[in-house]
Amino acid sequence: MIFSSNVFLFVFLPSFLACYYLTPNRFRSWPILIGSYLFYAWWRIDFLALFAAVTVFNFVLGHKIHANRAVTVTARRWLQLGLAGNLGTLAYFKYANFGADTVYLVLTELGTDPWLVTHVVLPIGISFYIFQAISYLVDVYRGDTPPTQSFIRFAAFIALFPQLIAGPVLRYKDVADQFESRTHSMEKFSQGCERFMVGFIKKVIIADTIAPLVDTGFAVQEPSLADAWLAMFAYTAQLYFDFSGYADMAIGLGLMLGFRFVENFNQPYISQSITEFWRRWHISLSNWLRDYLYIPLGGNRGSVVKTYRNLFLTMLLGGLWHGANWTFVVWGAYHGTVLAVERLLGVKAAFDNFNIARWLFTLLLVMLGWVVFRADSISAAAELYLGLINLQNLGLSSTMLSQMNDLQLATLIVAWVVIVIRGLKDRIDLARFVPSIGHAVVPVFALAVLKLSAQSHSPFLYFQF
């Protein structure tokens, strides 16, 4: 089940909210847990067993770590067991196919008859709930949070359906108090509804309309200059509106339930450095990688060379977290390299003044990275990169012209106008020139629902990660 579906909007959500608000406050973790399990089971009921097993495993390990906190060696061993179990589970389901395919290709090249390997199905959302479980164990080990005494609350935290599939990546210590006690008000509920509708509009009206343009652009063989640049601009916009739309919907649903989740986006395409970009894009993941990977690796506490190494490894592993494909490895290495270079050159994470040249250069770096992120293979990415400098063929190809339409192009233009105007509003004084769209949310949301009913199924892009 996904948020942008009629069954969620008109069946699941109203039924869940009715049950949730009819339940007394102290028992509301129960409807969250049951509703979240039903939400997850809509995709595949058999993976609920894995989901439940991960939950039980981490609940027990959290108490084992806490009980042995006076004996550091023993507590560390329990933590190591928890990390091995979680990462082993993630590695098997997410990277078994990648590893087997790589070995298969190597053996084939060597002339050896390779074996047949059964395809492993990737459980939806596993990257997110495994990372949440890991942060819980590490925080208990560090003493940043005590282990929860309520299994139901912990299970509800792991399964919390608004952010279960694609984040934000929550940490138990940040929401523990809210599971104990949280406020419910009509004002907070209304804020949640408005935030959900904004995210829904981003996804259905903008991202889904641009999607065919992206698919065509990245599928063109030997793309022209115009093909390549159009595809790159389209995907850059599509990914932002799709993923930030999901984040808005998740945060809105959380408000409807009385929770306040961390923000996941802060106008990332207006950044003036890649360092700043990673403080504005997928913020919860960036902070997770910093606190649970970069700092444990040594952060910037060692030599300059080690600091660069830690930056590079953090982004490399962050890229691999996104998917089991060499394209994600290259994308992570690319961002790790740029971050290291920026640190070497003393580039600031946030500048006092807005500089158009700095902004445009950073945006270009981001978009170039998105090419390999979106491409099906390294060779496909290379083709599109060559198209970006293809001065022998400037115009749109016949394939692009036959597949695109005026609505897609108009939506793409609107998307970039929104990106630039909203971003610049935070940088310079544009508030008086940018009208409020608050009153337009409901009618546009209604239009988005009608569009949803007429179009085919379109899952969120980050579901595959």
Protein backbone atom coordinates (compact mmCIF):
# COMPACT_ATOMS: atom_id res chain seq x y z
CA MET A 1 0.00 0.00 0.00
CA ILE A 2 1.25 3.49 -0.76
CA PHE A 3 0.04 6.91 0.35
CA SER A 4 -0.82 7.99 -3.18
CA SER A 5 -3.50 5.37 -3.71
CA ASN A 6 -7.27 5.38 -3.42
CA VAL A 7 -7.31 2.41 -1.05
CA PHE A 8 -5.06 4.30 1.37
CA LEU A 9 -6.93 7.62 1.08
CA PHE A 10 -10.48 6.33 1.26
CA VAL A 11 -10.25 3.03 3.15
CA PHE A 12 -7.14 2.56 5.25
CA LEU A 13 -6.50 6.11 6.53
CA PRO A 14 -10.05 6.99 7.67
CA SER A 15 -10.51 3.53 9.23
CA PHE A 16 -7.18 3.75 11.03
CA LEU A 17 -7.79 7.29 12.32
CA ALA A 18 -11.23 6.28 13.61
CA CYS A 19 -9.76 3.33 15.54
CA TYR A 20 -6.82 5.40 16.75
CA TYR A 21 -8.89 8.24 18.20
CA LEU A 22 -11.49 5.90 19.70
CA THR A 23 -8.71 4.19 21.64
CA PRO A 24 -7.76 5.67 25.05
CA ASN A 25 -4.49 7.63 25.03
CA ARG A 26 -2.41 5.13 26.99
CA PHE A 27 -3.30 2.28 24.62
CA ARG A 28 -2.75 4.09 21.32
CA SER A 29 0.48 2.24 20.55
CA TRP A 30 -1.73 -0.79 19.87
CA PRO A 31 -3.65 0.65 16.90
CA ILE A 32 -0.35 2.10 15.59
CA LEU A 33 1.25 -1.34 15.71
CA ILE A 34 -1.71 -3.25 14.28
CA GLY A 35 -2.42 -0.62 11.62
CA SER A 36 1.24 -0.47 10.61
CA TYR A 37 1.43 -4.25 10.28
CA LEU A 38 -1.69 -4.25 8.12
CA PHE A 39 -0.19 -1.43 6.04
CA TYR A 40 3.00 -3.45 5.54
CA ALA A 41 1.19 -6.75 4.93
CA TRP A 42 -0.73 -5.16 2.05
CA TRP A 43 2.53 -5.47 0.06
CA ARG A 44 3.53 -9.01 1.14
CA ILE A 45 2.23 -10.69 4.25
CA ASP A 46 5.03 -13.26 4.38
CA PHE A 47 7.67 -10.62 5.15
CA LEU A 48 5.83 -9.68 8.35
CA ALA A 49 7.64 -12.60 9.98
CA LEU A 50 11.01 -11.03 9.14
CA PHE A 51 9.76 -7.64 10.30
CA ALA A 52 8.58 -9.07 13.63
CA ALA A 53 11.79 -11.08 14.08
CA VAL A 54 13.95 -7.96 13.60
CA THR A 55 11.80 -6.14 16.15
CA VAL A 56 12.06 -8.90 18.80
CA PHE A 57 15.78 -9.35 18.18
CA ASN A 58 16.56 -5.66 18.74
CA PHE A 59 14.23 -5.30 21.73
CA VAL A 60 15.99 -8.18 23.50
CA LEU A 61 19.47 -6.99 22.51
CA GLY A 62 18.73 -3.49 23.78
CA HIS A 63 18.02 -4.87 27.24
CA LYS A 64 21.07 -7.14 27.13
CA ILE A 65 23.31 -4.18 26.29
CA HIS A 66 21.79 -2.05 29.05
CA ALA A 67 21.96 -4.84 31.66
CA ASN A 68 25.69 -5.24 31.02
CA ARG A 69 26.56 -1.55 30.80
CA ALA A 70 28.80 -1.87 33.88
CA VAL A 71 30.89 -4.48 32.05
CA THR A 72 31.94 -2.65 28.90
CA VAL A 73 33.40 -5.69 27.14
CA THR A 74 30.20 -7.72 27.57
CA ALA A 75 27.97 -4.83 26.51
CA ARG A 76 30.15 -4.30 23.44
CA ARG A 77 29.81 -7.97 22.51
CA TRP A 78 26.03 -7.74 22.70
CA LEU A 79 26.19 -4.62 20.53
CA GLN A 80 28.43 -6.39 18.03
CA LEU A 81 25.95 -9.26 17.89
CA GLY A 82 23.14 -6.77 17.24
CA LEU A 83 25.09 -4.99 14.51
CA ALA A 84 26.04 -8.30 12.89
CA GLY A 85 22.44 -9.52 12.96
CA ASN A 86 20.98 -6.33 11.55
CA LEU A 87 23.64 -5.73 8.94
CA GLY A 88 23.69 -9.41 8.01
CA THR A 89 19.94 -9.33 7.42
CA LEU A 90 20.23 -6.18 5.33
CA ALA A 91 23.20 -7.55 3.40
CA TYR A 92 21.45 -10.81 2.53
CA PHE A 93 18.19 -9.35 1.30
CA LYS A 94 19.65 -6.25 -0.34
CA TYR A 95 23.01 -7.37 -1.69
CA ALA A 96 22.82 -11.14 -2.25
CA ASN A 97 21.62 -10.70 -5.83
CA PHE A 98 24.24 -8.02 -6.47
CA GLY A 99 27.04 -10.24 -5.19
CA ALA A 100 25.80 -13.32 -7.03
CA ASP A 101 25.41 -11.41 -10.30
CA THR A 102 28.91 -9.96 -9.98
CA VAL A 103 30.43 -13.40 -9.36
CA TYR A 104 28.36 -14.79 -12.22
CA LEU A 105 29.76 -12.19 -14.64
CA VAL A 106 33.32 -12.78 -13.48
CA LEU A 107 33.03 -16.56 -13.86
CA THR A 108 31.42 -16.14 -17.26
CA GLU A 109 34.30 -13.93 -18.41
CA LEU A 110 36.75 -16.58 -17.17
CA GLY A 111 34.99 -19.25 -19.22
CA THR A 112 33.65 -21.13 -16.21
CA ASP A 113 30.13 -22.49 -16.21
CA PRO A 114 28.47 -20.49 -13.39
CA TRP A 115 25.85 -21.87 -11.08
CA LEU A 116 22.25 -20.77 -10.94
CA VAL A 117 21.30 -18.60 -7.97
CA THR A 118 17.75 -18.13 -6.70
CA HIS A 119 16.65 -14.49 -6.86
CA VAL A 120 16.22 -12.90 -3.42
CA VAL A 121 13.21 -10.59 -3.02
CA LEU A 122 14.03 -7.24 -1.37
CA PRO A 123 11.62 -6.52 1.52
CA ILE A 124 10.21 -3.05 1.11
CA GLY A 125 11.50 -0.48 3.61
CA ILE A 126 14.17 -2.80 5.05
CA SER A 127 16.94 -0.20 4.70
CA PHE A 128 15.00 2.26 6.84
CA TYR A 129 13.81 0.01 9.65
CA ILE A 130 17.19 -1.71 9.94
CA PHE A 131 18.91 1.67 10.30
CA GLN A 132 16.40 2.67 12.98
CA ALA A 133 17.06 -0.56 14.86
CA ILE A 134 20.83 -0.03 14.67
CA SER A 135 20.58 3.53 15.99
CA TYR A 136 18.50 2.24 18.92
CA LEU A 137 21.13 -0.34 19.93
CA VAL A 138 24.00 2.13 19.56
CA ASP A 139 22.18 4.82 21.55
CA VAL A 140 21.46 2.33 24.36
CA TYR A 141 25.12 1.29 24.35
CA ARG A 142 26.29 4.91 24.49
CA GLY A 143 23.84 5.69 27.27
CA ASP A 144 22.00 8.24 25.14
CA THR A 145 18.68 6.52 25.84
CA PRO A 146 17.50 3.79 28.22
CA PRO A 147 15.93 0.73 26.61
CA THR A 148 12.18 0.91 26.46
CA GLN A 149 10.35 -1.32 28.91
CA SER A 150 7.33 -1.63 26.65
CA PHE A 151 7.67 -4.06 23.76
CA ILE A 152 4.48 -2.70 22.18
CA ARG A 153 5.86 0.83 22.11
CA PHE A 154 9.16 -0.35 20.65
CA ALA A 155 7.38 -2.44 18.02
CA ALA A 156 5.14 0.53 17.20
CA PHE A 157 8.26 2.71 16.81
CA ILE A 158 9.88 0.28 14.37
CA ALA A 159 6.64 -0.25 12.44
CA LEU A 160 5.28 3.33 12.52
CA PHE A 161 3.63 3.32 9.08
CA PRO A 162 3.90 7.04 8.14
CA GLN A 163 7.70 6.75 7.86
CA LEU A 164 8.10 2.97 7.57
CA ILE A 165 8.77 2.72 3.84
CA ALA A 166 10.98 5.71 3.02
CA GLY A 167 11.75 7.66 6.18
CA PRO A 168 12.54 10.07 7.66
CA VAL A 169 14.97 7.81 9.53
CA LEU A 170 13.79 8.15 13.12
CA ARG A 171 15.83 7.56 16.27
CA TYR A 172 14.08 6.15 19.30
CA LYS A 173 15.67 8.70 21.63
CA ASP A 174 14.07 11.51 19.61
CA VAL A 175 10.52 10.12 19.81
CA ALA A 176 10.62 8.14 23.08
CA ASP A 177 8.92 10.96 25.01
CA GLN A 178 6.25 11.24 22.33
CA PHE A 179 5.43 7.55 22.71
CA GLU A 180 5.09 8.11 26.44
CA SER A 181 2.90 11.18 26.04
CA ARG A 182 1.99 13.43 23.11
CA THR A 183 -0.54 16.13 22.53
CA HIS A 184 -3.49 15.88 20.17
CA SER A 185 -5.28 18.98 19.00
CA MET A 186 -7.39 20.13 16.11
CA GLU A 187 -4.68 22.64 15.22
CA LYS A 188 -1.99 19.95 15.01
CA PHE A 189 -4.32 17.65 13.09
CA SER A 190 -5.13 20.45 10.62
CA GLN A 191 -1.43 21.17 10.14
CA GLY A 192 -0.93 17.48 9.44
CA CYS A 193 -3.72 17.42 6.85
CA GLU A 194 -2.30 20.45 5.04
CA ARG A 195 1.23 19.02 5.07
CA PHE A 196 -0.06 15.69 3.75
CA MET A 197 -1.96 17.40 0.94
CA VAL A 198 1.11 19.42 -0.10
CA GLY A 199 3.16 16.23 -0.30
CA PHE A 200 0.41 14.47 -2.24
CA ILE A 201 0.33 17.33 -4.76
CA LYS A 202 4.12 17.18 -5.15
CA LYS A 203 3.98 13.48 -5.87
CA VAL A 204 0.89 13.15 -8.08
CA ILE A 205 0.70 16.49 -9.88
CA ILE A 206 4.41 17.15 -10.43
CA ALA A 207 6.61 14.05 -9.98
CA ASP A 208 4.26 11.59 -11.69
CA THR A 209 3.66 13.96 -14.63
CA ILE A 210 7.39 14.38 -15.21
CA ALA A 211 8.13 10.66 -14.80
CA PRO A 212 7.45 9.59 -18.45
CA LEU A 213 9.79 12.32 -19.63
CA VAL A 214 12.54 10.93 -17.39
CA ASP A 215 11.93 7.32 -18.41
CA THR A 216 12.11 8.21 -22.10
CA GLY A 217 15.17 10.41 -21.71
CA PHE A 218 17.18 7.77 -19.88
CA ALA A 219 16.15 5.06 -22.34
CA VAL A 220 17.20 6.88 -25.53
CA GLN A 221 20.15 5.27 -27.28
CA GLU A 222 22.95 7.74 -28.08
CA PRO A 223 21.03 10.77 -26.75
CA SER A 224 21.44 14.16 -28.34
CA LEU A 225 22.55 17.21 -26.40
CA ALA A 226 18.95 18.31 -25.85
CA ASP A 227 17.85 14.78 -24.89
CA ALA A 228 20.53 14.45 -22.24
CA TRP A 229 20.07 17.88 -20.66
CA LEU A 230 16.28 17.53 -20.67
CA ALA A 231 16.48 14.09 -19.03
CA MET A 232 18.91 15.35 -16.38
CA PHE A 233 16.82 18.40 -15.51
CA ALA A 234 13.64 16.31 -15.47
CA TYR A 235 15.04 13.64 -13.16
CA THR A 236 16.51 16.22 -10.80
CA ALA A 237 13.04 17.73 -10.38
CA GLN A 238 11.20 14.40 -10.33
CA LEU A 239 13.35 12.93 -7.57
CA TYR A 240 13.01 15.99 -5.38
CA PHE A 241 9.24 16.31 -5.70
CA ASP A 242 8.72 12.55 -5.34
CA PHE A 243 10.92 12.08 -2.28
CA SER A 244 10.19 15.38 -0.53
CA GLY A 245 6.53 14.74 -1.31
CA TYR A 246 6.72 11.44 0.55
CA ALA A 247 8.51 13.16 3.45
CA ASP A 248 5.78 15.83 3.61
CA MET A 249 3.10 13.16 3.64
CA ALA A 250 4.92 11.18 6.36
CA ILE A 251 5.39 14.28 8.53
CA GLY A 252 1.75 15.24 7.95
CA LEU A 253 0.50 11.80 8.97
CA GLY A 254 2.71 11.97 12.03
CA LEU A 255 1.08 15.27 13.03
CA MET A 256 -2.33 13.68 12.61
CA LEU A 257 -1.23 11.09 15.20
CA GLY A 258 0.29 13.69 17.51
CA PHE A 259 3.95 13.07 16.54
CA ARG A 260 6.47 15.63 15.36
CA PHE A 261 9.04 14.02 13.07
CA VAL A 262 12.33 15.56 12.02
CA GLU A 263 12.36 17.51 8.77
CA ASN A 264 13.99 15.68 5.89
CA PHE A 265 14.44 18.48 3.31
CA ASN A 266 15.35 22.16 3.45
CA GLN A 267 15.45 23.55 -0.09
CA PRO A 268 18.50 21.44 -1.09
CA TYR A 269 18.73 22.72 -4.67
CA ILE A 270 19.58 26.21 -3.50
CA SER A 271 22.81 25.01 -1.82
CA GLN A 272 26.10 26.74 -2.61
CA SER A 273 28.31 23.72 -1.91
CA ILE A 274 27.93 19.95 -1.81
CA THR A 275 28.67 20.11 1.92
CA GLU A 276 25.65 22.39 2.32
CA PHE A 277 23.60 20.17 0.01
CA TRP A 278 24.04 17.23 2.36
CA ARG A 279 22.79 19.36 5.23
CA ARG A 280 19.63 20.06 3.27
CA TRP A 281 18.95 16.80 1.36
CA HIS A 282 17.63 13.68 3.13
CA ILE A 283 18.65 15.31 6.41
CA SER A 284 17.75 12.35 8.62
CA LEU A 285 20.00 10.01 6.62
CA SER A 286 22.84 12.56 6.46
CA ASN A 287 22.72 12.94 10.24
CA TRP A 288 22.52 9.17 10.70
CA LEU A 289 25.61 8.62 8.54
CA ARG A 290 27.45 11.34 10.44
CA ASP A 291 26.61 10.04 13.92
CA TYR A 292 26.79 6.28 13.35
CA LEU A 293 29.42 5.98 10.62
CA TYR A 294 31.54 9.09 10.06
CA ILE A 295 32.20 9.84 13.75
CA PRO A 296 32.86 6.18 14.72
CA LEU A 297 35.34 5.99 11.83
CA GLY A 298 37.19 8.87 13.47
CA GLY A 299 35.48 11.86 11.90
CA ASN A 300 37.87 14.77 11.68
CA ARG A 301 39.72 13.87 14.89
CA GLY A 302 42.70 12.27 13.16
CA SER A 303 45.05 13.43 10.46
CA VAL A 304 43.89 15.36 7.41
CA VAL A 305 44.31 12.25 5.27
CA LYS A 306 42.18 10.18 7.66
CA THR A 307 39.48 12.85 7.65
CA TYR A 308 39.30 12.70 3.86
CA ARG A 309 39.26 8.91 4.03
CA ASN A 310 36.39 8.98 6.52
CA LEU A 311 34.39 11.38 4.35
CA PHE A 312 34.96 9.24 1.29
CA LEU A 313 34.08 5.94 3.02
CA THR A 314 30.97 7.41 4.62
CA MET A 315 29.59 8.59 1.29
CA LEU A 316 30.69 5.41 -0.48
CA LEU A 317 28.76 3.28 2.01
CA GLY A 318 25.90 5.78 1.92
CA GLY A 319 25.74 5.32 -1.84
CA LEU A 320 25.75 1.54 -1.48
CA TRP A 321 22.92 1.81 1.09
CA HIS A 322 20.74 3.29 -1.65
CA GLY A 323 20.93 0.18 -3.79
CA ALA A 324 22.82 -2.90 -4.90
CA ASN A 325 24.27 -1.59 -8.13
CA TRP A 326 27.65 -0.25 -9.19
CA THR A 327 25.91 2.98 -10.16
CA PHE A 328 25.22 3.72 -6.48
CA VAL A 329 28.81 2.89 -5.56
CA VAL A 330 30.04 5.38 -8.17
CA TRP A 331 27.52 7.99 -7.00
CA GLY A 332 28.64 7.61 -3.39
CA ALA A 333 32.31 7.77 -4.37
CA TYR A 334 31.60 10.87 -6.47
CA HIS A 335 29.99 12.73 -3.56
CA GLY A 336 32.68 11.53 -1.16
CA THR A 337 35.37 12.87 -3.48
CA VAL A 338 33.66 16.25 -3.91
CA LEU A 339 33.16 16.60 -0.14
CA ALA A 340 36.84 15.83 0.44
CA VAL A 341 37.90 18.37 -2.20
CA GLU A 342 35.62 21.03 -0.67
CA ARG A 343 37.14 20.38 2.74
CA LEU A 344 40.64 20.61 1.24
CA LEU A 345 39.79 23.95 -0.36
CA GLY A 346 38.12 25.27 2.79
CA VAL A 347 34.68 25.59 1.20
CA LYS A 348 32.09 26.64 3.78
CA ALA A 349 29.02 24.61 4.61
CA ALA A 350 26.96 27.80 4.62
CA PHE A 351 27.92 31.15 3.11
CA ASP A 352 26.91 34.52 4.51
CA ASN A 353 26.00 35.89 1.09
CA PHE A 354 24.19 34.29 -1.81
CA ASN A 355 26.31 33.95 -4.93
CA ILE A 356 24.58 32.92 -8.16
CA ALA A 357 27.72 31.43 -9.75
CA ARG A 358 28.42 29.33 -6.65
CA TRP A 359 24.81 28.14 -6.58
CA LEU A 360 24.70 27.22 -10.28
CA PHE A 361 28.00 25.34 -10.05
CA THR A 362 26.78 23.34 -7.05
CA LEU A 363 23.49 22.58 -8.78
CA LEU A 364 25.40 21.31 -11.81
CA LEU A 365 27.50 19.02 -9.59
CA VAL A 366 24.35 17.65 -7.98
CA MET A 367 22.64 17.02 -11.31
CA LEU A 368 25.69 15.30 -12.77
CA GLY A 369 25.61 12.97 -9.80
CA TRP A 370 21.91 12.22 -10.32
CA VAL A 371 22.68 10.90 -13.81
CA VAL A 372 24.60 7.86 -12.55
CA PHE A 373 22.17 7.55 -9.62
CA ARG A 374 19.23 7.14 -12.02
CA ALA A 375 20.93 5.15 -14.79
CA ASP A 376 20.42 1.39 -14.97
CA SER A 377 24.14 0.76 -15.46
CA ILE A 378 27.49 2.48 -15.68
CA SER A 379 27.43 2.18 -19.46
CA ALA A 380 23.97 3.78 -19.64
CA ALA A 381 25.19 6.65 -17.47
CA ALA A 382 28.23 7.06 -19.71
CA GLU A 383 25.95 7.37 -22.75
CA LEU A 384 23.97 10.16 -21.16
CA TYR A 385 27.14 11.93 -20.00
CA LEU A 386 28.38 11.84 -23.58
CA GLY A 387 25.03 13.26 -24.68
CA LEU A 388 25.58 16.26 -22.41
CA ILE A 389 28.54 17.28 -24.58
CA ASN A 390 27.23 15.95 -27.90
CA LEU A 391 27.79 19.01 -30.08
CA GLN A 392 27.27 16.94 -33.24
CA ASN A 393 23.60 16.37 -32.45
CA LEU A 394 21.97 19.32 -30.72
CA GLY A 395 18.21 18.90 -31.15
CA LEU A 396 15.71 16.55 -29.55
CA SER A 397 15.67 13.05 -31.01
CA SER A 398 12.61 11.63 -32.77
CA THR A 399 12.11 9.26 -29.82
CA MET A 400 11.88 12.12 -27.33
CA LEU A 401 9.64 14.18 -29.60
CA SER A 402 7.24 11.28 -30.11
CA GLN A 403 6.95 10.45 -26.39
CA MET A 404 6.84 13.87 -24.73
CA ASN A 405 3.89 16.23 -24.58
CA ASP A 406 3.16 19.85 -23.68
CA LEU A 407 1.79 18.98 -20.22
CA GLN A 408 5.04 17.24 -19.24
CA LEU A 409 7.14 20.18 -20.40
CA ALA A 410 4.89 22.73 -18.73
CA THR A 411 4.97 20.77 -15.47
CA LEU A 412 8.76 20.56 -15.63
CA ILE A 413 8.98 24.34 -16.07
CA VAL A 414 6.59 24.90 -13.17
CA ALA A 415 8.61 22.47 -11.03
CA TRP A 416 11.83 24.40 -11.59
CA VAL A 417 10.12 27.75 -11.03
CA VAL A 418 8.88 26.43 -7.67
CA ILE A 419 12.34 25.07 -6.78
CA VAL A 420 14.09 28.35 -7.59
CA ILE A 421 11.50 30.73 -6.12
CA ARG A 422 11.05 28.81 -2.87
CA GLY A 423 14.78 28.40 -2.50
CA LEU A 424 15.59 32.03 -3.19
CA LYS A 425 12.88 33.07 -0.77
CA ASP A 426 15.07 31.63 2.01
CA ARG A 427 18.17 33.36 0.64
CA ILE A 428 16.99 36.83 -0.26
CA ASP A 429 13.98 38.97 0.57
CA LEU A 430 11.36 37.61 -1.80
CA ALA A 431 8.55 37.14 0.70
CA ARG A 432 6.55 40.12 -0.50
CA PHE A 433 6.75 38.91 -4.11
CA VAL A 434 5.76 35.27 -3.44
CA PRO A 435 2.03 34.84 -2.84
CA SER A 436 0.74 32.38 -0.25
CA ILE A 437 -0.78 29.23 -1.71
CA GLY A 438 -2.47 28.07 1.49
CA HIS A 439 -6.02 28.56 0.19
CA ALA A 440 -5.21 26.73 -3.05
CA VAL A 441 -4.06 23.50 -1.37
CA VAL A 442 -7.51 21.91 -1.02
CA PRO A 443 -8.72 22.41 -4.63
CA VAL A 444 -5.34 21.36 -6.04
CA PHE A 445 -5.38 18.32 -3.76
CA ALA A 446 -8.82 17.43 -5.11
CA LEU A 447 -7.44 17.73 -8.63
CA ALA A 448 -4.55 15.47 -7.63
CA VAL A 449 -6.98 12.84 -6.33
CA LEU A 450 -8.84 12.91 -9.65
CA LYS A 451 -5.56 12.55 -11.51
CA LEU A 452 -4.57 9.65 -9.26
CA SER A 453 -7.81 7.85 -10.06
CA ALA A 454 -7.15 8.20 -13.80
CA GLN A 455 -3.49 7.16 -13.86
CA SER A 456 -1.74 3.83 -13.40
CA HIS A 457 0.04 2.76 -10.22
CA SER A 458 3.14 4.86 -9.50
CA PRO A 459 5.20 3.92 -6.43
CA PHE A 460 7.54 6.36 -4.73
CA LEU A 461 11.08 6.32 -6.11
CA TYR A 462 12.70 5.70 -2.72
CA PHE A 463 10.68 2.51 -2.18
CA GLN A 464 13.36 0.67 -4.17
CA PHE A 465 16.06 1.73 -1.70
